[in-house]
Amino acid sequence: MPNIKSAKKRVLVSEKKNLRNRMVKSAVRTSVKKFDAAVAADPTTANVQLTATTSAIDKAVAKGVIHKNAANRKKARLAKQLNKAAAI
């Protein structure tokens, strides 16, 4: 445990930010799982879930939790997965 006041504050602030980051990442992972389930159930109506998942990923980027390029890679892979499932 730090003794300096500013170091104590940094510990508290970093814990708060860590909690927020984990919540945002968890929401993104949950959204991706819902998308996977939607694609498996009915690929033709999974577009709605793709939109929601893309939105969750973009919000995580806006909050600085996920890097912009990582988010674009995730969105591209989801779209590719949907297109592949719809083609079958």
N, C-alpha and C. Protein backbone atom coordinates (compact mmCIF):
# COMPACT_ATOMS: atom_id res chain seq x y z
N MET A 1 0.85 -1.19 0.00
CA MET A 1 0.00 0.00 0.00
C MET A 1 0.89 1.24 0.00
N PRO A 2 0.60 2.18 -0.87
CA PRO A 2 1.44 3.38 -0.95
C PRO A 2 1.25 4.30 0.26
N ASN A 3 2.27 5.07 0.55
CA ASN A 3 2.23 6.03 1.65
C ASN A 3 1.92 7.45 1.17
N ILE A 4 2.29 7.75 -0.05
CA ILE A 4 2.12 9.09 -0.59
C ILE A 4 0.67 9.29 -1.03
N LYS A 5 0.13 10.46 -0.74
CA LYS A 5 -1.28 10.73 -1.01
C LYS A 5 -1.63 10.58 -2.48
N SER A 6 -0.80 11.11 -3.35
CA SER A 6 -1.10 11.01 -4.78
C SER A 6 -1.04 9.56 -5.27
N ALA A 7 -0.16 8.77 -4.69
CA ALA A 7 -0.07 7.36 -5.06
C ALA A 7 -1.31 6.61 -4.59
N LYS A 8 -1.82 6.97 -3.42
CA LYS A 8 -3.07 6.36 -2.92
C LYS A 8 -4.22 6.67 -3.86
N LYS A 9 -4.26 7.93 -4.32
CA LYS A 9 -5.32 8.33 -5.24
C LYS A 9 -5.20 7.55 -6.55
N ARG A 10 -3.99 7.40 -7.05
CA ARG A 10 -3.79 6.67 -8.31
C ARG A 10 -4.29 5.24 -8.18
N VAL A 11 -4.07 4.61 -7.01
CA VAL A 11 -4.56 3.24 -6.80
C VAL A 11 -6.07 3.20 -6.89
N LEU A 12 -6.73 4.15 -6.23
CA LEU A 12 -8.20 4.20 -6.26
C LEU A 12 -8.72 4.46 -7.66
N VAL A 13 -8.10 5.39 -8.36
CA VAL A 13 -8.55 5.73 -9.70
C VAL A 13 -8.33 4.55 -10.66
N SER A 14 -7.20 3.90 -10.53
CA SER A 14 -6.92 2.79 -11.44
C SER A 14 -7.86 1.61 -11.17
N GLU A 15 -8.25 1.40 -9.91
CA GLU A 15 -9.22 0.34 -9.60
C GLU A 15 -10.56 0.65 -10.24
N LYS A 16 -10.97 1.91 -10.17
CA LYS A 16 -12.25 2.32 -10.75
C LYS A 16 -12.23 2.15 -12.27
N LYS A 17 -11.13 2.58 -12.89
CA LYS A 17 -11.01 2.45 -14.35
C LYS A 17 -10.94 0.99 -14.77
N ASN A 18 -10.24 0.17 -13.98
CA ASN A 18 -10.14 -1.25 -14.28
C ASN A 18 -11.51 -1.90 -14.23
N LEU A 19 -12.32 -1.53 -13.26
CA LEU A 19 -13.66 -2.08 -13.16
C LEU A 19 -14.51 -1.69 -14.37
N ARG A 20 -14.43 -0.41 -14.77
CA ARG A 20 -15.19 0.05 -15.93
C ARG A 20 -14.73 -0.66 -17.19
N ASN A 21 -13.42 -0.80 -17.36
CA ASN A 21 -12.90 -1.47 -18.55
C ASN A 21 -13.35 -2.92 -18.61
N ARG A 22 -13.34 -3.61 -17.47
CA ARG A 22 -13.78 -5.00 -17.45
C ARG A 22 -15.25 -5.11 -17.80
N MET A 23 -16.07 -4.16 -17.32
CA MET A 23 -17.50 -4.18 -17.63
C MET A 23 -17.73 -3.98 -19.12
N VAL A 24 -17.01 -3.07 -19.71
CA VAL A 24 -17.18 -2.79 -21.14
C VAL A 24 -16.73 -3.99 -21.98
N LYS A 25 -15.59 -4.57 -21.62
CA LYS A 25 -15.10 -5.75 -22.36
C LYS A 25 -16.06 -6.91 -22.22
N SER A 26 -16.61 -7.08 -21.02
CA SER A 26 -17.58 -8.15 -20.79
C SER A 26 -18.83 -7.95 -21.64
N ALA A 27 -19.28 -6.71 -21.74
CA ALA A 27 -20.46 -6.41 -22.56
C ALA A 27 -20.19 -6.74 -24.02
N VAL A 28 -18.99 -6.45 -24.49
CA VAL A 28 -18.64 -6.76 -25.88
C VAL A 28 -18.63 -8.27 -26.09
N ARG A 29 -18.02 -9.00 -25.16
CA ARG A 29 -17.98 -10.46 -25.28
C ARG A 29 -19.38 -11.05 -25.25
N THR A 30 -20.25 -10.54 -24.38
CA THR A 30 -21.62 -11.02 -24.31
C THR A 30 -22.35 -10.75 -25.61
N SER A 31 -22.16 -9.58 -26.16
CA SER A 31 -22.80 -9.23 -27.42
C SER A 31 -22.33 -10.15 -28.56
N VAL A 32 -21.04 -10.47 -28.56
CA VAL A 32 -20.51 -11.38 -29.59
C VAL A 32 -21.11 -12.77 -29.42
N LYS A 33 -21.28 -13.22 -28.19
CA LYS A 33 -21.90 -14.54 -27.97
C LYS A 33 -23.34 -14.54 -28.44
N LYS A 34 -24.06 -13.45 -28.19
CA LYS A 34 -25.44 -13.35 -28.67
C LYS A 34 -25.47 -13.37 -30.19
N PHE A 35 -24.51 -12.71 -30.82
CA PHE A 35 -24.43 -12.71 -32.28
C PHE A 35 -24.18 -14.12 -32.80
N ASP A 36 -23.24 -14.84 -32.16
CA ASP A 36 -22.96 -16.21 -32.59
C ASP A 36 -24.21 -17.09 -32.48
N ALA A 37 -24.97 -16.91 -31.40
CA ALA A 37 -26.20 -17.68 -31.22
C ALA A 37 -27.23 -17.32 -32.28
N ALA A 38 -27.31 -16.03 -32.62
CA ALA A 38 -28.26 -15.58 -33.64
C ALA A 38 -27.89 -16.14 -35.01
N VAL A 39 -26.61 -16.17 -35.31
CA VAL A 39 -26.16 -16.71 -36.60
C VAL A 39 -26.45 -18.21 -36.67
N ALA A 40 -26.23 -18.89 -35.56
CA ALA A 40 -26.49 -20.33 -35.54
C ALA A 40 -27.99 -20.62 -35.67
N ALA A 41 -28.81 -19.79 -35.07
CA ALA A 41 -30.25 -20.02 -35.10
C ALA A 41 -30.85 -19.65 -36.46
N ASP A 42 -30.61 -18.42 -36.90
CA ASP A 42 -31.20 -17.96 -38.16
C ASP A 42 -30.32 -16.87 -38.77
N PRO A 43 -29.48 -17.25 -39.72
CA PRO A 43 -28.55 -16.27 -40.30
C PRO A 43 -29.24 -15.10 -41.01
N THR A 44 -30.47 -15.30 -41.47
CA THR A 44 -31.13 -14.23 -42.22
C THR A 44 -31.56 -13.07 -41.32
N THR A 45 -31.84 -13.34 -40.04
CA THR A 45 -32.27 -12.27 -39.13
C THR A 45 -31.16 -11.85 -38.18
N ALA A 46 -29.95 -12.32 -38.40
CA ALA A 46 -28.83 -11.99 -37.51
C ALA A 46 -28.28 -10.59 -37.77
N ASN A 47 -28.78 -9.91 -38.81
CA ASN A 47 -28.31 -8.55 -39.10
C ASN A 47 -28.58 -7.59 -37.95
N VAL A 48 -29.70 -7.78 -37.27
CA VAL A 48 -30.05 -6.91 -36.14
C VAL A 48 -29.02 -7.08 -35.03
N GLN A 49 -28.66 -8.31 -34.76
CA GLN A 49 -27.67 -8.57 -33.70
C GLN A 49 -26.29 -8.10 -34.14
N LEU A 50 -25.99 -8.17 -35.42
CA LEU A 50 -24.71 -7.64 -35.91
C LEU A 50 -24.62 -6.15 -35.66
N THR A 51 -25.71 -5.45 -35.89
CA THR A 51 -25.74 -4.01 -35.65
C THR A 51 -25.51 -3.70 -34.17
N ALA A 52 -26.15 -4.46 -33.30
CA ALA A 52 -25.99 -4.24 -31.86
C ALA A 52 -24.57 -4.55 -31.41
N THR A 53 -24.00 -5.61 -31.95
CA THR A 53 -22.64 -5.99 -31.59
C THR A 53 -21.63 -4.96 -32.09
N THR A 54 -21.83 -4.50 -33.31
CA THR A 54 -20.96 -3.46 -33.86
C THR A 54 -21.03 -2.19 -33.02
N SER A 55 -22.23 -1.85 -32.58
CA SER A 55 -22.41 -0.67 -31.74
C SER A 55 -21.67 -0.83 -30.40
N ALA A 56 -21.76 -2.02 -29.81
CA ALA A 56 -21.07 -2.27 -28.54
C ALA A 56 -19.56 -2.15 -28.71
N ILE A 57 -19.05 -2.66 -29.83
CA ILE A 57 -17.62 -2.58 -30.10
C ILE A 57 -17.20 -1.13 -30.30
N ASP A 58 -18.00 -0.37 -31.03
CA ASP A 58 -17.68 1.05 -31.26
C ASP A 58 -17.69 1.85 -29.97
N LYS A 59 -18.61 1.53 -29.07
CA LYS A 59 -18.66 2.21 -27.78
C LYS A 59 -17.41 1.91 -26.96
N ALA A 60 -16.94 0.66 -27.04
CA ALA A 60 -15.72 0.30 -26.33
C ALA A 60 -14.52 1.06 -26.88
N VAL A 61 -14.49 1.28 -28.18
CA VAL A 61 -13.41 2.06 -28.80
C VAL A 61 -13.49 3.50 -28.34
N ALA A 62 -14.70 4.05 -28.29
CA ALA A 62 -14.88 5.43 -27.88
C ALA A 62 -14.42 5.66 -26.44
N LYS A 63 -14.56 4.65 -25.62
CA LYS A 63 -14.15 4.76 -24.22
C LYS A 63 -12.67 4.41 -24.03
N GLY A 64 -12.02 3.99 -25.10
CA GLY A 64 -10.59 3.70 -25.02
C GLY A 64 -10.27 2.34 -24.45
N VAL A 65 -11.24 1.45 -24.43
CA VAL A 65 -11.03 0.12 -23.86
C VAL A 65 -10.41 -0.81 -24.88
N ILE A 66 -10.82 -0.67 -26.14
CA ILE A 66 -10.32 -1.52 -27.22
C ILE A 66 -9.66 -0.60 -28.24
N HIS A 67 -8.58 -1.06 -28.83
CA HIS A 67 -7.90 -0.28 -29.86
C HIS A 67 -8.75 -0.27 -31.13
N LYS A 68 -8.65 0.82 -31.87
CA LYS A 68 -9.44 1.03 -33.07
C LYS A 68 -9.24 -0.10 -34.09
N ASN A 69 -8.00 -0.51 -34.30
CA ASN A 69 -7.73 -1.55 -35.29
C ASN A 69 -8.26 -2.91 -34.83
N ALA A 70 -8.16 -3.18 -33.54
CA ALA A 70 -8.70 -4.44 -33.01
C ALA A 70 -10.21 -4.48 -33.19
N ALA A 71 -10.86 -3.35 -32.98
CA ALA A 71 -12.31 -3.27 -33.14
C ALA A 71 -12.69 -3.50 -34.61
N ASN A 72 -11.96 -2.87 -35.52
CA ASN A 72 -12.25 -3.06 -36.94
C ASN A 72 -12.05 -4.51 -37.35
N ARG A 73 -11.02 -5.15 -36.80
CA ARG A 73 -10.78 -6.56 -37.09
C ARG A 73 -11.93 -7.42 -36.59
N LYS A 74 -12.40 -7.15 -35.38
CA LYS A 74 -13.53 -7.91 -34.82
C LYS A 74 -14.78 -7.74 -35.67
N LYS A 75 -15.07 -6.49 -36.07
CA LYS A 75 -16.27 -6.23 -36.85
C LYS A 75 -16.18 -6.91 -38.22
N ALA A 76 -15.01 -6.90 -38.82
CA ALA A 76 -14.83 -7.54 -40.12
C ALA A 76 -15.04 -9.05 -40.01
N ARG A 77 -14.53 -9.63 -38.95
CA ARG A 77 -14.68 -11.08 -38.76
C ARG A 77 -16.14 -11.45 -38.53
N LEU A 78 -16.86 -10.62 -37.78
CA LEU A 78 -18.28 -10.89 -37.55
C LEU A 78 -19.07 -10.79 -38.85
N ALA A 79 -18.79 -9.77 -39.66
CA ALA A 79 -19.49 -9.62 -40.93
C ALA A 79 -19.16 -10.79 -41.86
N LYS A 80 -17.92 -11.21 -41.85
CA LYS A 80 -17.52 -12.34 -42.68
C LYS A 80 -18.23 -13.61 -42.24
N GLN A 81 -18.35 -13.79 -40.94
CA GLN A 81 -19.05 -14.96 -40.39
C GLN A 81 -20.52 -14.95 -40.81
N LEU A 82 -21.15 -13.78 -40.76
CA LEU A 82 -22.55 -13.66 -41.14
C LEU A 82 -22.73 -13.95 -42.63
N ASN A 83 -21.85 -13.39 -43.46
CA ASN A 83 -21.96 -13.60 -44.90
C ASN A 83 -21.75 -15.06 -45.26
N LYS A 84 -20.82 -15.71 -44.56
CA LYS A 84 -20.57 -17.13 -44.82
C LYS A 84 -21.79 -17.97 -44.43
N ALA A 85 -22.41 -17.65 -43.30
CA ALA A 85 -23.58 -18.40 -42.84
C ALA A 85 -24.78 -18.15 -43.74
N ALA A 86 -24.92 -16.93 -44.24
CA ALA A 86 -26.05 -16.60 -45.11
C ALA A 86 -25.92 -17.26 -46.48
N ALA A 87 -24.69 -17.50 -46.91
CA ALA A 87 -24.46 -18.11 -48.22
C ALA A 87 -24.80 -19.59 -48.23
N ILE A 88 -24.78 -20.19 -47.06
CA ILE A 88 -25.02 -21.65 -46.99
C ILE A 88 -26.49 -21.97 -47.18
